[in-house]
N, C-alpha and C. Protein backbone atom coordinates (compact mmCIF):
# COMPACT_ATOMS: atom_id res chain seq x y z
N UNK A 1 0.84 -1.18 0.00
CA UNK A 1 0.00 0.00 0.00
C UNK A 1 0.88 1.24 0.00
N UNK A 2 0.54 2.21 -0.81
CA UNK A 2 1.30 3.45 -0.87
C UNK A 2 1.08 4.26 0.40
N UNK A 3 2.02 5.14 0.66
CA UNK A 3 1.91 6.03 1.80
C UNK A 3 0.75 6.99 1.58
N UNK A 4 -0.10 7.12 2.59
CA UNK A 4 -1.26 8.00 2.49
C UNK A 4 -0.79 9.46 2.54
N UNK A 5 -1.39 10.31 1.73
CA UNK A 5 -1.01 11.71 1.70
C UNK A 5 -1.81 12.47 2.76
N UNK A 6 -1.31 13.61 3.13
CA UNK A 6 -1.85 14.42 4.22
C UNK A 6 -3.36 14.66 4.09
N UNK A 7 -3.82 15.15 2.96
CA UNK A 7 -5.24 15.48 2.80
C UNK A 7 -6.11 14.23 2.89
N UNK A 8 -5.65 13.12 2.33
CA UNK A 8 -6.40 11.87 2.44
C UNK A 8 -6.45 11.39 3.88
N UNK A 9 -5.35 11.58 4.60
CA UNK A 9 -5.32 11.19 6.02
C UNK A 9 -6.34 12.00 6.81
N UNK A 10 -6.44 13.28 6.54
CA UNK A 10 -7.44 14.13 7.21
C UNK A 10 -8.84 13.58 6.96
N UNK A 11 -9.14 13.21 5.73
CA UNK A 11 -10.47 12.69 5.39
C UNK A 11 -10.76 11.37 6.09
N UNK A 12 -9.77 10.48 6.13
CA UNK A 12 -9.95 9.17 6.78
C UNK A 12 -10.14 9.35 8.29
N UNK A 13 -9.35 10.21 8.89
CA UNK A 13 -9.45 10.44 10.33
C UNK A 13 -10.77 11.13 10.68
N UNK A 14 -11.20 12.06 9.85
CA UNK A 14 -12.51 12.70 10.08
C UNK A 14 -13.62 11.67 10.04
N UNK A 15 -13.57 10.77 9.09
CA UNK A 15 -14.58 9.71 8.99
C UNK A 15 -14.57 8.84 10.25
N UNK A 16 -13.37 8.53 10.77
CA UNK A 16 -13.26 7.74 11.99
C UNK A 16 -13.94 8.46 13.16
N UNK A 17 -13.68 9.75 13.29
CA UNK A 17 -14.29 10.53 14.37
C UNK A 17 -15.81 10.51 14.25
N UNK A 18 -16.31 10.67 13.04
CA UNK A 18 -17.76 10.65 12.84
C UNK A 18 -18.37 9.31 13.19
N UNK A 19 -17.64 8.24 12.93
CA UNK A 19 -18.16 6.89 13.18
C UNK A 19 -17.97 6.44 14.63
N UNK A 20 -17.05 7.07 15.36
CA UNK A 20 -16.71 6.60 16.69
C UNK A 20 -16.97 7.60 17.80
N UNK A 21 -17.48 8.77 17.45
CA UNK A 21 -17.80 9.77 18.47
C UNK A 21 -19.08 9.41 19.21
N UNK A 22 -19.51 10.26 20.13
CA UNK A 22 -20.68 9.95 20.95
C UNK A 22 -21.99 9.89 20.17
N UNK A 23 -22.04 10.54 19.02
CA UNK A 23 -23.24 10.56 18.18
C UNK A 23 -22.83 10.15 16.78
N UNK A 24 -22.57 8.84 16.55
CA UNK A 24 -22.03 8.40 15.27
C UNK A 24 -22.78 8.97 14.06
N UNK A 25 -22.02 9.67 13.24
CA UNK A 25 -22.48 10.30 12.00
C UNK A 25 -23.52 11.39 12.21
N UNK A 26 -23.98 11.59 13.42
CA UNK A 26 -24.98 12.63 13.68
C UNK A 26 -24.40 14.03 13.64
N UNK A 27 -23.12 14.18 13.93
CA UNK A 27 -22.50 15.49 13.97
C UNK A 27 -21.69 15.80 12.74
N UNK A 28 -22.08 15.24 11.61
CA UNK A 28 -21.27 15.37 10.39
C UNK A 28 -20.94 16.81 10.05
N UNK A 29 -21.87 17.74 10.24
CA UNK A 29 -21.61 19.13 9.91
C UNK A 29 -20.80 19.85 10.97
N UNK A 30 -20.65 19.23 12.14
CA UNK A 30 -19.96 19.88 13.24
C UNK A 30 -18.48 19.55 13.30
N UNK A 31 -18.06 18.55 12.58
CA UNK A 31 -16.66 18.12 12.64
C UNK A 31 -15.91 18.68 11.44
N UNK A 32 -14.91 19.49 11.75
CA UNK A 32 -14.00 20.00 10.72
C UNK A 32 -12.59 19.61 11.14
N UNK A 33 -11.62 19.75 10.26
CA UNK A 33 -10.24 19.44 10.65
C UNK A 33 -9.73 20.32 11.80
N UNK A 34 -10.37 21.47 12.04
CA UNK A 34 -9.95 22.38 13.11
C UNK A 34 -10.76 22.22 14.39
N UNK A 35 -11.76 21.34 14.41
CA UNK A 35 -12.58 21.15 15.60
C UNK A 35 -11.73 20.59 16.74
N UNK A 36 -11.82 21.20 17.92
CA UNK A 36 -11.13 20.67 19.09
C UNK A 36 -11.96 19.48 19.57
N UNK A 37 -11.43 18.29 19.39
CA UNK A 37 -12.19 17.06 19.65
C UNK A 37 -12.48 16.85 21.13
N UNK A 38 -11.61 17.35 22.00
CA UNK A 38 -11.83 17.22 23.44
C UNK A 38 -12.80 18.30 23.94
N UNK A 39 -12.53 19.54 23.62
CA UNK A 39 -13.37 20.65 24.09
C UNK A 39 -14.80 20.55 23.57
N UNK A 40 -14.97 20.01 22.37
CA UNK A 40 -16.30 19.88 21.78
C UNK A 40 -17.08 18.71 22.37
N UNK A 41 -16.39 17.81 23.06
CA UNK A 41 -17.04 16.62 23.61
C UNK A 41 -17.18 15.49 22.62
N UNK A 42 -16.61 15.66 21.43
CA UNK A 42 -16.68 14.58 20.43
C UNK A 42 -15.90 13.36 20.87
N UNK A 43 -14.78 13.59 21.58
CA UNK A 43 -13.98 12.48 22.11
C UNK A 43 -13.59 12.79 23.54
N UNK A 44 -13.50 11.75 24.36
CA UNK A 44 -12.90 11.90 25.68
C UNK A 44 -11.44 11.48 25.56
N UNK A 45 -10.72 11.44 26.68
CA UNK A 45 -9.28 11.15 26.60
C UNK A 45 -9.02 9.75 26.05
N UNK A 46 -9.84 8.77 26.42
CA UNK A 46 -9.67 7.42 25.89
C UNK A 46 -9.96 7.40 24.38
N UNK A 47 -11.00 8.10 23.97
CA UNK A 47 -11.33 8.18 22.55
C UNK A 47 -10.20 8.83 21.76
N UNK A 48 -9.57 9.85 22.36
CA UNK A 48 -8.45 10.51 21.68
C UNK A 48 -7.27 9.55 21.53
N UNK A 49 -7.00 8.75 22.54
CA UNK A 49 -5.90 7.79 22.45
C UNK A 49 -6.22 6.71 21.40
N UNK A 50 -7.48 6.29 21.32
CA UNK A 50 -7.88 5.35 20.27
C UNK A 50 -7.69 5.98 18.89
N UNK A 51 -8.00 7.26 18.79
CA UNK A 51 -7.82 7.97 17.52
C UNK A 51 -6.34 8.06 17.16
N UNK A 52 -5.49 8.31 18.14
CA UNK A 52 -4.05 8.35 17.89
C UNK A 52 -3.58 7.00 17.35
N UNK A 53 -4.00 5.92 17.99
CA UNK A 53 -3.61 4.57 17.55
C UNK A 53 -4.10 4.31 16.12
N UNK A 54 -5.33 4.70 15.83
CA UNK A 54 -5.87 4.52 14.48
C UNK A 54 -5.07 5.34 13.46
N UNK A 55 -4.78 6.60 13.81
CA UNK A 55 -4.04 7.48 12.91
C UNK A 55 -2.65 6.91 12.64
N UNK A 56 -2.00 6.39 13.68
CA UNK A 56 -0.68 5.78 13.50
C UNK A 56 -0.75 4.59 12.55
N UNK A 57 -1.80 3.78 12.68
CA UNK A 57 -1.90 2.60 11.81
C UNK A 57 -2.15 2.99 10.36
N UNK A 58 -2.98 4.00 10.14
CA UNK A 58 -3.27 4.44 8.78
C UNK A 58 -2.06 5.13 8.15
N UNK A 59 -1.39 5.97 8.93
CA UNK A 59 -0.25 6.73 8.41
C UNK A 59 1.05 5.92 8.44
N UNK A 60 1.00 4.75 9.07
CA UNK A 60 2.19 3.89 9.20
C UNK A 60 3.34 4.64 9.87
N UNK A 61 3.05 5.13 11.07
CA UNK A 61 4.04 5.87 11.82
C UNK A 61 3.82 5.64 13.30
N UNK A 62 4.68 6.24 14.09
CA UNK A 62 4.52 6.24 15.54
C UNK A 62 4.65 7.69 15.99
N UNK A 63 3.57 8.21 16.58
CA UNK A 63 3.59 9.58 17.07
C UNK A 63 4.19 9.55 18.47
N UNK A 64 5.28 10.28 18.67
CA UNK A 64 5.96 10.30 19.96
C UNK A 64 5.27 11.30 20.88
N UNK A 65 4.52 10.78 21.84
CA UNK A 65 3.81 11.64 22.77
C UNK A 65 4.71 12.18 23.88
N UNK A 66 5.97 11.76 23.90
CA UNK A 66 6.91 12.25 24.89
C UNK A 66 7.47 13.62 24.49
N UNK A 67 7.30 13.98 23.23
CA UNK A 67 7.79 15.27 22.77
C UNK A 67 6.89 16.38 23.31
N UNK A 68 7.36 17.61 23.21
CA UNK A 68 6.53 18.74 23.60
C UNK A 68 5.45 18.94 22.55
N UNK A 69 4.30 18.32 22.78
CA UNK A 69 3.19 18.42 21.85
C UNK A 69 2.17 19.36 22.47
N UNK A 70 1.81 20.39 21.73
CA UNK A 70 0.81 21.35 22.17
C UNK A 70 -0.56 20.69 22.09
N UNK A 71 -1.26 20.59 23.22
CA UNK A 71 -2.56 19.92 23.26
C UNK A 71 -3.54 20.56 22.28
N UNK A 72 -3.45 21.87 22.10
CA UNK A 72 -4.35 22.55 21.16
C UNK A 72 -4.16 22.01 19.74
N UNK A 73 -2.93 21.70 19.38
CA UNK A 73 -2.66 21.15 18.06
C UNK A 73 -3.03 19.66 18.02
N UNK A 74 -2.69 18.97 19.07
CA UNK A 74 -2.86 17.52 19.15
C UNK A 74 -4.34 17.11 19.17
N UNK A 75 -5.21 17.98 19.66
CA UNK A 75 -6.62 17.60 19.81
C UNK A 75 -7.49 17.99 18.63
N UNK A 76 -6.87 18.41 17.53
CA UNK A 76 -7.62 18.65 16.30
C UNK A 76 -7.20 17.62 15.25
N UNK A 77 -8.07 17.35 14.32
CA UNK A 77 -7.76 16.39 13.26
C UNK A 77 -6.57 16.88 12.44
N UNK A 78 -6.59 18.15 12.07
CA UNK A 78 -5.50 18.70 11.26
C UNK A 78 -4.17 18.62 12.01
N UNK A 79 -4.17 18.96 13.28
CA UNK A 79 -2.95 18.91 14.07
C UNK A 79 -2.43 17.50 14.23
N UNK A 80 -3.33 16.56 14.55
CA UNK A 80 -2.93 15.17 14.73
C UNK A 80 -2.37 14.59 13.43
N UNK A 81 -3.03 14.88 12.32
CA UNK A 81 -2.54 14.37 11.04
C UNK A 81 -1.20 15.00 10.68
N UNK A 82 -1.01 16.27 11.01
CA UNK A 82 0.27 16.91 10.78
C UNK A 82 1.38 16.24 11.59
N UNK A 83 1.09 15.92 12.86
CA UNK A 83 2.08 15.22 13.68
C UNK A 83 2.40 13.85 13.10
N UNK A 84 1.38 13.16 12.61
CA UNK A 84 1.58 11.83 12.03
C UNK A 84 2.47 11.91 10.80
N UNK A 85 2.20 12.86 9.92
CA UNK A 85 2.98 13.00 8.69
C UNK A 85 4.43 13.40 9.03
N UNK A 86 4.61 14.32 9.97
CA UNK A 86 5.96 14.71 10.39
C UNK A 86 6.71 13.52 10.96
N UNK A 87 6.02 12.75 11.79
CA UNK A 87 6.64 11.58 12.40
C UNK A 87 7.02 10.56 11.34
N UNK A 88 6.11 10.29 10.43
CA UNK A 88 6.36 9.32 9.36
C UNK A 88 7.52 9.76 8.49
N UNK A 89 7.52 11.03 8.10
CA UNK A 89 8.58 11.53 7.24
C UNK A 89 9.93 11.48 7.95
N UNK A 90 9.93 11.74 9.27
CA UNK A 90 11.16 11.64 10.05
C UNK A 90 11.67 10.21 10.12
N UNK A 91 10.75 9.25 10.21
CA UNK A 91 11.13 7.84 10.24
C UNK A 91 11.76 7.42 8.92
N UNK A 92 11.20 7.90 7.81
CA UNK A 92 11.72 7.53 6.49
C UNK A 92 13.06 8.18 6.20
N UNK A 93 13.37 9.27 6.91
CA UNK A 93 14.64 9.94 6.71
C UNK A 93 15.69 9.46 7.70
N UNK A 94 15.37 8.39 8.42
CA UNK A 94 16.32 7.85 9.37
C UNK A 94 16.26 8.49 10.73
N UNK A 95 15.22 9.32 10.97
CA UNK A 95 15.10 10.00 12.26
C UNK A 95 14.43 9.16 13.31
N UNK A 96 13.81 8.04 12.93
CA UNK A 96 13.15 7.19 13.91
C UNK A 96 14.16 6.40 14.70
N UNK A 97 13.79 6.04 15.94
CA UNK A 97 14.72 5.30 16.78
C UNK A 97 14.29 3.87 16.97
N UNK A 98 13.45 3.35 16.07
CA UNK A 98 13.02 1.96 16.15
C UNK A 98 13.71 1.16 15.08
């Protein structure tokens, strides 16, 4: 499978949020790539960790949560996907430690 591109990753992750949030597919108009998933109540902390795991599997990367990650960036779809792409690209350039 080819590496997923950033915009496609955003679409896939948005679909996951819609299918796994508290009101599956009911909030379709309320979820944007900039929606704060925690503050909006779409996901709780466990849901966010499940989303991180899903995003890592789709993007084929490992997001290092030990780094200084700004929660405001991390809790949006666009921010999470950006972290995944940065992490993946760093791994392909030999920056990964696995």
